Amino acid sequence: AVYLIHGLFGIKKKWYIESLVLAAGLRGGISYYQVENYEDDSLGFGADAYLGLEYYFKPEFSIFAKVGGRFFTNPLQMMVDLDPEMGAFAQVGAFLAF
């Protein structure tokens, strides 16, 4: 098993069109890897970028969708059979504030 923790920090820009929000983001980060049956742990570095769309039904409730891409290095690649963490991602969800 591979244990992984991500730490990300980035920027997001939003454009408001009444209740519709367009967003673009760029994040950089660090990944901590620990592999079962392997004595060392390691850090990987990478970034992701995304575009998003959000719609506010009222200030307390909104729905969103994001698509983007991610690439993180895998420093343990030479020691164990793991590929770099890269590819596209999509998210759909809702926010409820109370």
N, C-alpha and C. Protein backbone atom coordinates (compact mmCIF):
# COMPACT_ATOMS: atom_id res chain seq x y z
N ALA A 1 0.85 -1.19 0.00
CA ALA A 1 0.00 0.00 0.00
C ALA A 1 0.88 1.24 0.00
N VAL A 2 0.36 2.27 -0.61
CA VAL A 2 1.06 3.56 -0.67
C VAL A 2 0.25 4.56 0.13
N TYR A 3 0.90 5.25 1.05
CA TYR A 3 0.25 6.28 1.83
C TYR A 3 0.69 7.63 1.29
N LEU A 4 -0.24 8.52 1.10
CA LEU A 4 0.04 9.77 0.40
C LEU A 4 -0.69 10.91 1.08
N ILE A 5 0.02 12.02 1.28
CA ILE A 5 -0.58 13.25 1.81
C ILE A 5 -0.20 14.38 0.87
N HIS A 6 -1.19 15.16 0.43
CA HIS A 6 -0.96 16.32 -0.44
C HIS A 6 -1.06 17.60 0.39
N GLY A 7 -0.20 18.54 0.09
CA GLY A 7 -0.31 19.90 0.61
C GLY A 7 -0.29 20.84 -0.58
N LEU A 8 -1.35 21.60 -0.80
CA LEU A 8 -1.45 22.47 -1.97
C LEU A 8 -1.65 23.93 -1.56
N PHE A 9 -1.10 24.83 -2.35
CA PHE A 9 -1.26 26.26 -2.15
C PHE A 9 -1.36 26.90 -3.52
N GLY A 10 -2.30 27.82 -3.70
CA GLY A 10 -2.43 28.38 -5.03
C GLY A 10 -3.25 29.65 -5.08
N ILE A 11 -3.59 30.01 -6.30
CA ILE A 11 -4.38 31.20 -6.55
C ILE A 11 -5.61 30.82 -7.37
N LYS A 12 -6.68 31.60 -7.17
CA LYS A 12 -7.92 31.38 -7.93
C LYS A 12 -8.46 32.75 -8.34
N LYS A 13 -8.87 32.86 -9.57
CA LYS A 13 -9.50 34.07 -10.08
C LYS A 13 -10.95 33.74 -10.43
N LYS A 14 -11.88 34.60 -9.99
CA LYS A 14 -13.30 34.40 -10.27
C LYS A 14 -13.85 35.58 -11.05
N TRP A 15 -14.73 35.26 -11.99
CA TRP A 15 -15.47 36.27 -12.74
C TRP A 15 -16.95 36.04 -12.46
N TYR A 16 -17.66 37.09 -12.06
CA TYR A 16 -19.06 37.00 -11.66
C TYR A 16 -19.96 37.55 -12.75
N ILE A 17 -20.96 36.75 -13.11
CA ILE A 17 -22.00 37.16 -14.05
C ILE A 17 -23.34 36.87 -13.35
N GLU A 18 -23.78 37.82 -12.54
CA GLU A 18 -24.95 37.66 -11.69
C GLU A 18 -24.76 36.43 -10.79
N SER A 19 -25.58 35.39 -10.91
CA SER A 19 -25.45 34.20 -10.05
C SER A 19 -24.46 33.17 -10.59
N LEU A 20 -23.94 33.40 -11.77
CA LEU A 20 -22.99 32.47 -12.39
C LEU A 20 -21.57 32.95 -12.11
N VAL A 21 -20.69 32.02 -11.75
CA VAL A 21 -19.30 32.34 -11.45
C VAL A 21 -18.40 31.46 -12.30
N LEU A 22 -17.50 32.07 -13.04
CA LEU A 22 -16.46 31.36 -13.78
C LEU A 22 -15.18 31.46 -12.97
N ALA A 23 -14.42 30.38 -12.88
CA ALA A 23 -13.21 30.38 -12.06
C ALA A 23 -12.07 29.70 -12.79
N ALA A 24 -10.85 30.16 -12.50
CA ALA A 24 -9.63 29.54 -13.00
C ALA A 24 -8.65 29.49 -11.83
N GLY A 25 -7.95 28.39 -11.70
CA GLY A 25 -7.03 28.25 -10.58
C GLY A 25 -5.73 27.56 -10.97
N LEU A 26 -4.71 27.87 -10.22
CA LEU A 26 -3.39 27.25 -10.38
C LEU A 26 -2.85 26.99 -8.98
N ARG A 27 -2.47 25.73 -8.71
CA ARG A 27 -1.97 25.37 -7.39
C ARG A 27 -0.66 24.61 -7.54
N GLY A 28 0.23 24.83 -6.62
CA GLY A 28 1.47 24.07 -6.52
C GLY A 28 1.47 23.36 -5.19
N GLY A 29 2.25 22.29 -5.09
CA GLY A 29 2.22 21.58 -3.83
C GLY A 29 3.30 20.55 -3.65
N ILE A 30 3.20 19.90 -2.50
CA ILE A 30 4.13 18.85 -2.09
C ILE A 30 3.31 17.61 -1.77
N SER A 31 3.83 16.44 -2.14
CA SER A 31 3.22 15.16 -1.79
C SER A 31 4.21 14.37 -0.94
N TYR A 32 3.70 13.79 0.12
CA TYR A 32 4.51 12.93 0.99
C TYR A 32 4.10 11.49 0.72
N TYR A 33 5.06 10.66 0.35
CA TYR A 33 4.81 9.25 0.03
C TYR A 33 5.46 8.35 1.06
N GLN A 34 4.73 7.33 1.48
CA GLN A 34 5.30 6.27 2.31
C GLN A 34 4.74 4.96 1.78
N VAL A 35 5.64 4.04 1.43
CA VAL A 35 5.25 2.78 0.82
C VAL A 35 5.44 1.65 1.81
N GLU A 36 4.42 0.82 1.94
CA GLU A 36 4.50 -0.34 2.81
C GLU A 36 5.61 -1.28 2.33
N ASN A 37 6.36 -1.86 3.24
CA ASN A 37 7.47 -2.78 2.95
C ASN A 37 8.66 -2.08 2.26
N TYR A 38 8.78 -0.79 2.42
CA TYR A 38 9.90 -0.03 1.90
C TYR A 38 10.35 0.91 3.01
N GLU A 39 11.64 0.91 3.33
CA GLU A 39 12.09 1.57 4.55
C GLU A 39 12.08 3.10 4.51
N ASP A 40 12.14 3.71 3.35
CA ASP A 40 12.19 5.17 3.27
C ASP A 40 10.86 5.77 2.86
N ASP A 41 10.73 7.06 3.13
CA ASP A 41 9.62 7.83 2.61
C ASP A 41 10.21 8.92 1.72
N SER A 42 9.37 9.65 1.04
CA SER A 42 9.90 10.62 0.08
C SER A 42 8.89 11.73 -0.17
N LEU A 43 9.39 12.82 -0.75
CA LEU A 43 8.55 13.95 -1.13
C LEU A 43 8.51 14.09 -2.64
N GLY A 44 7.35 14.42 -3.17
CA GLY A 44 7.19 14.74 -4.58
C GLY A 44 6.66 16.15 -4.71
N PHE A 45 6.90 16.77 -5.83
CA PHE A 45 6.46 18.15 -6.07
C PHE A 45 5.65 18.19 -7.36
N GLY A 46 4.72 19.15 -7.45
CA GLY A 46 3.94 19.25 -8.66
C GLY A 46 2.98 20.41 -8.64
N ALA A 47 2.06 20.38 -9.59
CA ALA A 47 1.09 21.46 -9.73
C ALA A 47 -0.16 20.94 -10.42
N ASP A 48 -1.24 21.68 -10.25
CA ASP A 48 -2.44 21.42 -11.04
C ASP A 48 -3.07 22.75 -11.43
N ALA A 49 -3.87 22.70 -12.47
CA ALA A 49 -4.58 23.86 -12.98
C ALA A 49 -6.00 23.42 -13.31
N TYR A 50 -6.96 24.33 -13.13
CA TYR A 50 -8.34 23.95 -13.40
C TYR A 50 -9.16 25.15 -13.85
N LEU A 51 -10.29 24.83 -14.47
CA LEU A 51 -11.33 25.79 -14.83
C LEU A 51 -12.62 25.32 -14.18
N GLY A 52 -13.41 26.26 -13.70
CA GLY A 52 -14.63 25.86 -13.00
C GLY A 52 -15.80 26.75 -13.33
N LEU A 53 -16.98 26.24 -13.01
CA LEU A 53 -18.23 26.93 -13.21
C LEU A 53 -19.06 26.71 -11.95
N GLU A 54 -19.61 27.77 -11.40
CA GLU A 54 -20.41 27.67 -10.18
C GLU A 54 -21.68 28.49 -10.36
N TYR A 55 -22.78 28.00 -9.79
CA TYR A 55 -24.05 28.72 -9.87
C TYR A 55 -24.64 28.85 -8.47
N TYR A 56 -24.92 30.09 -8.07
CA TYR A 56 -25.52 30.36 -6.76
C TYR A 56 -27.03 30.43 -6.89
N PHE A 57 -27.73 29.51 -6.21
CA PHE A 57 -29.18 29.57 -6.15
C PHE A 57 -29.60 30.62 -5.15
N LYS A 58 -28.90 30.69 -4.04
CA LYS A 58 -29.02 31.73 -3.04
C LYS A 58 -27.66 31.78 -2.33
N PRO A 59 -27.38 32.80 -1.55
CA PRO A 59 -26.03 32.91 -0.97
C PRO A 59 -25.57 31.69 -0.16
N GLU A 60 -26.49 30.94 0.39
CA GLU A 60 -26.12 29.79 1.21
C GLU A 60 -25.97 28.49 0.42
N PHE A 61 -26.39 28.46 -0.85
CA PHE A 61 -26.37 27.19 -1.60
C PHE A 61 -25.91 27.43 -3.03
N SER A 62 -24.95 26.64 -3.47
CA SER A 62 -24.48 26.71 -4.86
C SER A 62 -24.02 25.33 -5.31
N ILE A 63 -23.99 25.14 -6.62
CA ILE A 63 -23.46 23.92 -7.22
C ILE A 63 -22.26 24.31 -8.08
N PHE A 64 -21.34 23.36 -8.29
CA PHE A 64 -20.15 23.67 -9.07
C PHE A 64 -19.68 22.47 -9.88
N ALA A 65 -18.86 22.77 -10.87
CA ALA A 65 -18.18 21.74 -11.67
C ALA A 65 -16.80 22.28 -12.01
N LYS A 66 -15.78 21.41 -11.96
CA LYS A 66 -14.41 21.78 -12.29
C LYS A 66 -13.81 20.72 -13.20
N VAL A 67 -12.93 21.14 -14.10
CA VAL A 67 -12.11 20.22 -14.88
C VAL A 67 -10.69 20.77 -14.87
N GLY A 68 -9.73 19.87 -14.89
CA GLY A 68 -8.35 20.34 -14.85
C GLY A 68 -7.37 19.22 -15.10
N GLY A 69 -6.12 19.55 -14.89
CA GLY A 69 -5.04 18.58 -15.06
C GLY A 69 -4.05 18.69 -13.92
N ARG A 70 -3.36 17.58 -13.64
CA ARG A 70 -2.44 17.53 -12.51
C ARG A 70 -1.18 16.76 -12.89
N PHE A 71 -0.05 17.22 -12.39
CA PHE A 71 1.20 16.46 -12.52
C PHE A 71 1.99 16.59 -11.23
N PHE A 72 2.30 15.47 -10.61
CA PHE A 72 3.18 15.41 -9.45
C PHE A 72 4.26 14.38 -9.71
N THR A 73 5.49 14.71 -9.36
CA THR A 73 6.59 13.77 -9.53
C THR A 73 6.45 12.63 -8.53
N ASN A 74 7.06 11.53 -8.83
CA ASN A 74 7.10 10.40 -7.91
C ASN A 74 8.56 10.02 -7.70
N PRO A 75 9.18 10.51 -6.64
CA PRO A 75 10.59 10.23 -6.41
C PRO A 75 10.88 8.77 -6.09
N LEU A 76 9.87 7.98 -5.74
CA LEU A 76 10.08 6.57 -5.44
C LEU A 76 9.95 5.69 -6.69
N GLN A 77 9.78 6.31 -7.85
CA GLN A 77 9.53 5.57 -9.09
C GLN A 77 10.62 4.54 -9.39
N MET A 78 11.87 4.87 -9.09
CA MET A 78 12.97 3.95 -9.36
C MET A 78 12.99 2.77 -8.39
N MET A 79 12.44 2.96 -7.20
CA MET A 79 12.49 1.91 -6.17
C MET A 79 11.30 0.97 -6.21
N VAL A 80 10.14 1.51 -6.49
CA VAL A 80 8.92 0.70 -6.52
C VAL A 80 8.18 0.98 -7.82
N ASP A 81 7.25 0.12 -8.16
CA ASP A 81 6.53 0.25 -9.43
C ASP A 81 5.37 1.22 -9.31
N LEU A 82 5.68 2.53 -9.36
CA LEU A 82 4.66 3.58 -9.30
C LEU A 82 4.91 4.58 -10.42
N ASP A 83 3.87 5.00 -11.07
CA ASP A 83 3.98 6.02 -12.11
C ASP A 83 3.87 7.40 -11.49
N PRO A 84 4.34 8.43 -12.19
CA PRO A 84 4.09 9.79 -11.71
C PRO A 84 2.58 10.03 -11.64
N GLU A 85 2.17 10.84 -10.71
CA GLU A 85 0.76 11.14 -10.57
C GLU A 85 0.41 12.26 -11.54
N MET A 86 -0.23 11.90 -12.65
CA MET A 86 -0.59 12.90 -13.63
C MET A 86 -1.86 12.49 -14.36
N GLY A 87 -2.53 13.49 -14.89
CA GLY A 87 -3.74 13.21 -15.65
C GLY A 87 -4.78 14.28 -15.45
N ALA A 88 -5.94 14.03 -16.00
CA ALA A 88 -7.05 14.96 -15.92
C ALA A 88 -7.94 14.62 -14.73
N PHE A 89 -8.65 15.61 -14.24
CA PHE A 89 -9.62 15.36 -13.18
C PHE A 89 -10.87 16.18 -13.42
N ALA A 90 -11.97 15.72 -12.84
CA ALA A 90 -13.25 16.43 -12.92
C ALA A 90 -13.92 16.33 -11.54
N GLN A 91 -14.57 17.40 -11.14
CA GLN A 91 -15.28 17.43 -9.86
C GLN A 91 -16.66 18.06 -10.07
N VAL A 92 -17.64 17.52 -9.39
CA VAL A 92 -18.99 18.09 -9.38
C VAL A 92 -19.43 18.05 -7.94
N GLY A 93 -20.06 19.14 -7.47
CA GLY A 93 -20.46 19.16 -6.08
C GLY A 93 -21.39 20.31 -5.76
N ALA A 94 -21.64 20.46 -4.46
CA ALA A 94 -22.53 21.51 -3.97
C ALA A 94 -21.94 22.09 -2.69
N PHE A 95 -22.19 23.38 -2.47
CA PHE A 95 -21.80 24.05 -1.24
C PHE A 95 -23.07 24.43 -0.49
N LEU A 96 -23.08 24.17 0.81
CA LEU A 96 -24.17 24.58 1.67
C LEU A 96 -23.57 25.28 2.87
N ALA A 97 -23.86 26.55 3.02
CA ALA A 97 -23.36 27.33 4.16
C ALA A 97 -24.49 27.51 5.16
N PHE A 98 -24.13 27.43 6.44
CA PHE A 98 -25.13 27.66 7.49
C PHE A 98 -24.50 28.35 8.66
